[in-house]
Amino acid sequence: MSEERLENPVTGESMRVLESSPERFRVQYALRPRGEIAGAHFHPYGEQTVSVVSGELHVRIAGAHRVIRAGESATIPTGAPHFQWNPGDVEAIVVEEMHPAARLHEFFRVLFRLAQSGRTDARGFPPLLLSAALFAEFSDTIRLAAPGTRLLLTLLAPLAVALGYRREIEECRRGQAAS
């Protein structure tokens, strides 16, 4: 596999894919100063390891706040809600590994392409019906942590598909710009 870089201009995330298969997804991940991921989430399968190479990363794992500094790691157990952010003044460089990975690589490709085409809000989250289609498509891989939002998106997923939002997801999967 040739090196792939994924960029999210909205959240300040960038990833260099080091390894990708359904069994393992390993990336070198950078988060700009005062950047944060799009939202708290969990993985229904797979354990995640977060190792900080430089800077520091703040992580909330199952409600507990941790600060991970260069040379330190944290493990996020299967099913544990988590959220990551960088409140500092320097970029955080992190190696993340997820195993098994399911379709996490594909999810990030789609989400970051949506951000690149202006289809996310200022926090990096797609509009409601597009989010419903996105999280329905990748429910085997990633789910939102907030139960109310997760339920709402689940209920809206059939409407989102009927209205054609799944087509946007498919376009992003194929590497085309989102509509």
Protein backbone atom coordinates (compact mmCIF):
# COMPACT_ATOMS: atom_id res chain seq x y z
CA MET A 1 0.00 0.00 0.00
CA SER A 2 1.38 3.41 -0.89
CA GLU A 3 1.29 6.05 1.81
CA GLU A 4 -2.07 7.73 2.20
CA ARG A 5 -2.71 11.02 3.96
CA LEU A 6 -6.13 12.03 5.18
CA GLU A 7 -6.80 15.68 6.07
CA ASN A 8 -9.73 17.29 7.87
CA PRO A 9 -9.45 21.07 7.45
CA VAL A 10 -12.33 21.71 9.84
CA THR A 11 -11.08 19.84 12.93
CA GLY A 12 -7.36 20.22 12.25
CA GLU A 13 -6.82 16.47 12.09
CA SER A 14 -4.41 14.86 9.66
CA MET A 15 -3.55 11.18 9.38
CA ARG A 16 -0.77 9.30 7.71
CA VAL A 17 -1.96 5.74 7.25
CA LEU A 18 0.73 3.31 8.40
CA GLU A 19 -1.27 0.08 8.17
CA SER A 20 -4.81 -0.67 7.12
CA SER A 21 -6.76 -3.90 7.10
CA PRO A 22 -9.97 -5.11 8.74
CA GLU A 23 -7.75 -6.52 11.49
CA ARG A 24 -5.60 -3.45 12.17
CA PHE A 25 -5.73 0.28 11.42
CA ARG A 26 -2.60 2.17 12.44
CA VAL A 27 -2.05 5.87 11.75
CA GLN A 28 0.26 8.68 12.68
CA TYR A 29 -2.20 11.33 13.64
CA ALA A 30 -1.65 15.07 14.12
CA LEU A 31 -4.02 17.44 15.84
CA ARG A 32 -3.42 21.16 15.53
CA PRO A 33 -3.29 23.43 18.56
CA ARG A 34 -6.78 23.95 20.01
CA GLY A 35 -8.14 21.29 17.65
CA GLU A 36 -10.53 18.50 18.56
CA ILE A 37 -12.18 15.54 16.91
CA ALA A 38 -15.74 15.90 15.61
CA GLY A 39 -17.44 14.20 18.55
CA ALA A 40 -17.41 11.66 21.35
CA HIS A 41 -17.86 8.15 20.03
CA PHE A 42 -17.13 4.49 20.69
CA HIS A 43 -16.21 1.42 18.68
CA PRO A 44 -18.49 -1.62 19.13
CA TYR A 45 -15.54 -3.88 18.28
CA GLY A 46 -11.88 -3.32 18.81
CA GLU A 47 -9.47 -1.89 21.30
CA GLN A 48 -7.67 1.37 20.55
CA THR A 49 -4.19 2.37 21.69
CA VAL A 50 -3.18 6.04 21.66
CA SER A 51 0.56 6.78 21.96
CA VAL A 52 1.74 10.41 22.00
CA VAL A 53 4.94 11.04 20.05
CA SER A 54 5.16 14.81 20.69
CA GLY A 55 3.06 17.45 22.37
CA GLU A 56 0.19 16.32 24.55
CA LEU A 57 -3.28 15.02 23.92
CA HIS A 58 -6.26 15.30 26.22
CA VAL A 59 -8.58 12.30 26.14
CA ARG A 60 -11.85 11.60 27.89
CA ILE A 61 -12.30 7.82 28.16
CA ALA A 62 -15.58 6.59 29.68
CA GLY A 63 -15.94 9.94 31.44
CA ALA A 64 -12.41 10.09 32.88
CA HIS A 65 -10.12 12.91 31.69
CA ARG A 66 -6.52 11.95 30.92
CA VAL A 67 -3.59 14.00 29.69
CA ILE A 68 -1.23 11.91 27.59
CA ARG A 69 2.22 13.40 27.06
CA ALA A 70 5.08 12.47 24.73
CA GLY A 71 6.24 8.93 25.45
CA GLU A 72 2.97 7.95 27.15
CA SER A 73 0.09 5.78 25.93
CA ALA A 74 -3.50 5.02 26.80
CA THR A 75 -5.70 2.10 25.89
CA ILE A 76 -9.34 2.67 25.04
CA PRO A 77 -11.30 -0.53 25.66
CA THR A 78 -13.93 -1.86 23.27
CA GLY A 79 -17.16 0.06 23.71
CA ALA A 80 -15.68 2.86 25.84
CA PRO A 81 -16.92 6.33 24.82
CA HIS A 82 -13.99 8.63 24.10
CA PHE A 83 -13.13 12.10 22.86
CA GLN A 84 -9.77 13.69 22.05
CA TRP A 85 -8.62 17.31 21.93
CA ASN A 86 -5.51 19.45 22.00
CA PRO A 87 -5.90 22.60 24.13
CA GLY A 88 -2.18 23.41 23.85
CA ASP A 89 -0.16 25.74 21.66
CA VAL A 90 1.78 23.02 19.80
CA GLU A 91 0.60 20.29 17.47
CA ALA A 92 0.06 16.89 19.07
CA ILE A 93 1.55 13.97 17.14
CA VAL A 94 0.05 10.61 18.05
CA VAL A 95 0.24 7.03 16.80
CA GLU A 96 -3.15 5.36 17.07
CA GLU A 97 -3.83 1.69 16.53
CA MET A 98 -7.20 -0.01 16.42
CA HIS A 99 -7.65 -3.77 16.34
CA PRO A 100 -9.78 -5.21 14.98
CA ALA A 101 -10.41 -2.17 12.83
CA ALA A 102 -13.48 -3.15 10.77
CA ARG A 103 -13.99 -0.26 8.32
CA LEU A 104 -12.46 2.58 10.33
CA HIS A 105 -10.14 3.62 7.50
CA GLU A 106 -13.08 3.92 5.12
CA PHE A 107 -15.09 5.89 7.71
CA PHE A 108 -12.29 8.47 8.08
CA ARG A 109 -11.95 8.78 4.31
CA VAL A 110 -15.65 9.58 4.01
CA LEU A 111 -15.83 11.95 7.00
CA PHE A 112 -12.72 13.88 5.97
CA ARG A 113 -13.93 14.17 2.35
CA LEU A 114 -17.22 15.55 3.63
CA ALA A 115 -15.26 18.16 5.63
CA GLN A 116 -13.10 19.02 2.62
CA SER A 117 -16.19 19.65 0.51
CA GLY A 118 -17.84 21.89 3.11
CA ARG A 119 -20.44 19.30 4.21
CA THR A 120 -19.68 19.55 7.94
CA ASP A 121 -20.29 22.25 10.53
CA ALA A 122 -17.60 24.23 12.35
CA ARG A 123 -16.98 21.25 14.68
CA GLY A 124 -16.59 18.77 11.80
CA PHE A 125 -20.02 17.14 12.12
CA PRO A 126 -22.20 16.55 9.01
CA PRO A 127 -25.80 17.86 8.90
CA LEU A 128 -28.40 15.74 10.69
CA LEU A 129 -29.70 13.60 7.80
CA LEU A 130 -26.23 13.14 6.32
CA SER A 131 -24.99 12.08 9.78
CA ALA A 132 -27.87 9.61 9.99
CA ALA A 133 -26.80 8.05 6.68
CA LEU A 134 -23.10 8.09 7.65
CA PHE A 135 -23.52 6.44 11.04
CA ALA A 136 -26.01 3.91 9.66
CA GLU A 137 -23.48 2.92 7.01
CA PHE A 138 -20.64 2.52 9.54
CA SER A 139 -22.60 1.28 12.59
CA ASP A 140 -20.42 -1.86 12.61
CA THR A 141 -17.34 0.33 13.13
CA ILE A 142 -18.17 3.54 15.01
CA ARG A 143 -21.12 4.92 16.97
CA LEU A 144 -21.81 8.24 18.64
CA ALA A 145 -21.46 8.24 22.42
CA ALA A 146 -24.54 10.33 23.25
CA PRO A 147 -27.47 7.86 23.52
CA GLY A 148 -30.10 10.45 22.57
CA THR A 149 -28.26 11.56 19.44
CA ARG A 150 -27.50 7.94 18.53
CA LEU A 151 -31.22 7.05 18.85
CA LEU A 152 -32.26 10.10 16.81
CA LEU A 153 -29.84 9.23 14.00
CA THR A 154 -31.00 5.61 14.03
CA LEU A 155 -34.62 6.72 13.69
CA LEU A 156 -33.74 9.17 10.90
CA ALA A 157 -31.56 6.72 8.93
CA PRO A 158 -34.39 5.28 6.75
CA LEU A 159 -35.52 8.82 5.85
CA ALA A 160 -31.94 9.86 5.09
CA VAL A 161 -31.51 6.88 2.77
CA ALA A 162 -34.88 7.53 1.09
CA LEU A 163 -33.87 11.16 0.49
CA GLY A 164 -30.61 10.11 -1.19
CA TYR A 165 -28.05 10.96 1.50
CA ARG A 166 -26.49 7.52 1.18
CA ARG A 167 -25.49 8.55 -2.35
CA GLU A 168 -23.23 11.25 -0.86
CA ILE A 169 -21.60 8.63 1.35
CA GLU A 170 -21.04 6.39 -1.70
CA GLU A 171 -19.52 9.29 -3.67
CA CYS A 172 -17.07 9.95 -0.85
CA ARG A 173 -16.24 6.25 -0.63
CA ARG A 174 -15.33 6.29 -4.32
CA GLY A 175 -13.18 9.38 -3.83
CA GLN A 176 -15.51 11.85 -5.49
CA ALA A 177 -16.38 15.21 -3.99
CA ALA A 178 -19.53 15.28 -1.93
CA SER A 179 -22.59 16.89 -3.51
